[in-house]
Amino acid sequence: MDSEGPDEVDRVVEAWATARPDLDLAPMHVLSRVTRLARHLDKDRRNAFAAHGLESWEFDVLAALRRAGTPYQLSPGALVRETGVTSGTMTNRVDRLTARGLVRRSSHPADRRGILVTLTGEGLAAVDAAIVSLLAAERRILGDLSPADSEQLANLLRAVTRRYVQ
């Protein structure tokens, strides 16, 4: 425990230790904090995106296109791989983003049956503004960590999540 004293997780784990002294509660010390942090991060992400008129799923699609580099376009299949949703879900998302003027569809020049999804100027401006807000929120969350501690935490989390995220 650090010098600031016990937190909510410490109290929960202590209560479990009293109720079930036969259990190894070590994972709770880490993963209960990760769960609580995820809730805060999700709220901060939603707020950062909402400030620019976006929902989280919209940001995810626009961000995948932005990361693709100029001309900011991908096939629907590549968007599915980048965002981890089904093709039906992606079709619905592209339809909605097209209706909002944030992306446009065009024929794939190398495949007559294929299409490409491209960021519009409005979509590019929205995703660029939203990523700045997101990073500011994430910096606030990690604000008490030194750069070395932040890097160590990233490395530890990478080791834990590697089995789930390929």
Protein backbone atom coordinates (compact mmCIF):
# COMPACT_ATOMS: atom_id res chain seq x y z
CA MET A 1 0.00 0.00 0.00
CA ASP A 2 1.31 3.48 -0.81
CA SER A 3 1.66 6.37 1.61
CA GLU A 4 -1.77 7.75 0.76
CA GLY A 5 -3.51 4.91 2.53
CA PRO A 6 -6.06 2.33 1.48
CA ASP A 7 -8.50 2.89 -1.35
CA GLU A 8 -11.88 1.35 -2.14
CA VAL A 9 -10.28 -1.75 -3.65
CA ASP A 10 -8.17 -2.32 -0.56
CA ARG A 11 -11.30 -2.19 1.57
CA VAL A 12 -13.15 -4.65 -0.71
CA VAL A 13 -10.22 -7.07 -0.75
CA GLU A 14 -9.86 -6.81 3.01
CA ALA A 15 -13.54 -7.62 3.43
CA TRP A 16 -13.17 -10.66 1.16
CA ALA A 17 -10.08 -11.74 3.10
CA THR A 18 -12.15 -11.70 6.27
CA ALA A 19 -15.08 -13.50 4.67
CA ARG A 20 -12.94 -16.02 2.73
CA PRO A 21 -9.45 -16.28 4.24
CA ASP A 22 -8.89 -19.44 2.19
CA LEU A 23 -8.76 -17.52 -1.12
CA ASP A 24 -5.77 -15.91 -2.83
CA LEU A 25 -7.17 -12.44 -3.53
CA ALA A 26 -4.03 -11.02 -5.21
CA PRO A 27 -5.65 -10.66 -8.66
CA MET A 28 -8.35 -8.41 -7.18
CA HIS A 29 -5.75 -5.82 -6.15
CA VAL A 30 -4.90 -5.28 -9.82
CA LEU A 31 -7.97 -6.14 -11.83
CA SER A 32 -10.55 -4.41 -9.65
CA ARG A 33 -8.54 -1.22 -10.13
CA VAL A 34 -8.38 -1.83 -13.87
CA THR A 35 -12.17 -2.24 -13.93
CA ARG A 36 -12.72 0.99 -12.00
CA LEU A 37 -10.23 2.83 -14.19
CA ALA A 38 -11.96 1.52 -17.33
CA ARG A 39 -15.24 3.04 -16.17
CA HIS A 40 -13.59 6.43 -15.69
CA LEU A 41 -11.77 6.19 -19.01
CA ASP A 42 -14.97 5.25 -20.84
CA LYS A 43 -16.76 8.28 -19.39
CA ASP A 44 -13.86 10.59 -20.25
CA ARG A 45 -13.70 9.17 -23.80
CA ARG A 46 -17.42 9.70 -24.34
CA ASN A 47 -17.10 13.29 -23.08
CA ALA A 48 -14.06 14.00 -25.26
CA PHE A 49 -15.86 12.72 -28.36
CA ALA A 50 -19.19 14.36 -27.52
CA ALA A 51 -17.44 17.72 -27.33
CA HIS A 52 -16.85 17.28 -31.07
CA GLY A 53 -20.26 15.83 -31.91
CA LEU A 54 -19.08 12.23 -32.07
CA GLU A 55 -20.02 8.98 -30.39
CA SER A 56 -17.31 6.48 -29.46
CA TRP A 57 -18.14 4.15 -32.36
CA GLU A 58 -18.00 7.06 -34.80
CA PHE A 59 -14.58 8.04 -33.52
CA ASP A 60 -13.37 4.44 -33.89
CA VAL A 61 -14.29 4.32 -37.59
CA LEU A 62 -13.02 7.83 -38.34
CA ALA A 63 -9.80 7.16 -36.43
CA ALA A 64 -9.15 3.96 -38.42
CA LEU A 65 -9.49 5.97 -41.64
CA ARG A 66 -7.27 8.77 -40.30
CA ARG A 67 -4.54 6.34 -39.25
CA ALA A 68 -4.56 4.86 -42.77
CA GLY A 69 -2.93 8.06 -44.00
CA THR A 70 -3.63 10.08 -47.09
CA PRO A 71 -6.06 9.68 -48.84
CA TYR A 72 -7.72 8.43 -45.59
CA GLN A 73 -9.59 5.53 -47.12
CA LEU A 74 -10.08 1.85 -46.44
CA SER A 75 -12.27 -0.93 -47.70
CA PRO A 76 -15.16 -1.97 -45.46
CA GLY A 77 -13.30 -5.23 -44.79
CA ALA A 78 -10.24 -3.35 -43.57
CA LEU A 79 -12.48 -1.21 -41.35
CA VAL A 80 -13.98 -4.40 -39.88
CA ARG A 81 -10.48 -5.67 -39.06
CA GLU A 82 -9.42 -2.32 -37.60
CA THR A 83 -12.48 -1.90 -35.38
CA GLY A 84 -13.33 -5.49 -34.51
CA VAL A 85 -17.02 -5.31 -35.40
CA THR A 86 -19.03 -7.49 -37.78
CA SER A 87 -19.46 -6.60 -41.44
CA GLY A 88 -23.18 -5.95 -40.88
CA THR A 89 -22.39 -3.54 -38.06
CA MET A 90 -19.79 -1.80 -40.21
CA THR A 91 -22.26 -1.39 -43.07
CA ASN A 92 -24.67 0.30 -40.67
CA ARG A 93 -21.92 2.52 -39.28
CA VAL A 94 -20.70 3.59 -42.69
CA ASP A 95 -24.31 4.35 -43.73
CA ARG A 96 -24.76 6.57 -40.68
CA LEU A 97 -21.41 8.33 -41.09
CA THR A 98 -22.16 8.90 -44.78
CA ALA A 99 -25.53 10.45 -43.88
CA ARG A 100 -23.70 12.81 -41.51
CA GLY A 101 -21.22 13.80 -44.21
CA LEU A 102 -18.21 12.45 -42.29
CA VAL A 103 -17.29 9.79 -44.86
CA ARG A 104 -18.13 9.02 -48.46
CA ARG A 105 -18.24 5.80 -50.44
CA SER A 106 -16.61 5.38 -53.81
CA SER A 107 -15.92 2.54 -56.20
CA HIS A 108 -12.68 0.68 -55.65
CA PRO A 109 -10.47 1.41 -58.68
CA ALA A 110 -8.88 -2.07 -58.61
CA ASP A 111 -12.06 -4.06 -57.92
CA ARG A 112 -15.32 -3.33 -59.78
CA ARG A 113 -17.36 -4.98 -57.03
CA GLY A 114 -15.54 -3.29 -54.16
CA ILE A 115 -15.95 0.07 -52.50
CA LEU A 116 -13.73 2.37 -50.50
CA VAL A 117 -14.75 4.48 -47.53
CA THR A 118 -13.01 7.86 -47.39
CA LEU A 119 -12.93 10.58 -44.75
CA THR A 120 -14.48 13.84 -45.87
CA GLY A 121 -12.99 17.19 -44.84
CA GLU A 122 -15.61 17.40 -42.10
CA GLY A 123 -14.76 13.90 -40.88
CA LEU A 124 -11.04 14.69 -40.87
CA ALA A 125 -11.59 17.87 -38.84
CA ALA A 126 -13.84 16.03 -36.35
CA VAL A 127 -11.46 13.12 -35.74
CA ASP A 128 -8.42 15.42 -35.47
CA ALA A 129 -10.15 17.60 -32.87
CA ALA A 130 -11.48 14.59 -30.96
CA ILE A 131 -8.07 12.90 -30.68
CA VAL A 132 -6.62 16.08 -29.14
CA SER A 133 -9.41 16.09 -26.53
CA LEU A 134 -8.99 12.37 -25.88
CA LEU A 135 -5.26 12.69 -25.29
CA ALA A 136 -5.81 15.61 -22.91
CA ALA A 137 -8.27 13.48 -20.90
CA GLU A 138 -5.87 10.53 -20.87
CA ARG A 139 -3.01 12.78 -19.72
CA ARG A 140 -5.19 13.92 -16.81
CA ILE A 141 -5.85 10.31 -15.85
CA LEU A 142 -2.14 9.47 -15.88
CA GLY A 143 -1.10 12.87 -14.51
CA ASP A 144 0.39 11.57 -11.26
CA LEU A 145 2.65 9.07 -13.00
CA SER A 146 6.17 9.91 -14.09
CA PRO A 147 7.03 9.13 -17.72
CA ALA A 148 9.02 6.11 -16.50
CA ASP A 149 6.09 4.84 -14.39
CA SER A 150 3.72 5.36 -17.31
CA GLU A 151 6.02 3.37 -19.60
CA GLN A 152 6.34 0.60 -16.99
CA LEU A 153 2.56 0.45 -16.59
CA ALA A 154 2.11 0.26 -20.37
CA ASN A 155 4.60 -2.60 -20.56
CA LEU A 156 2.92 -4.49 -17.72
CA LEU A 157 -0.55 -4.04 -19.24
CA ARG A 158 0.79 -5.12 -22.65
CA ALA A 159 2.05 -8.35 -21.08
CA VAL A 160 -1.34 -9.01 -19.46
CA THR A 161 -3.48 -8.14 -22.49
CA ARG A 162 -1.29 -9.84 -25.09
CA ARG A 163 -3.23 -13.12 -24.75
CA TYR A 164 -6.55 -11.39 -25.46
CA VAL A 165 -5.64 -8.78 -28.05
CA GLN A 166 -3.87 -10.02 -31.14
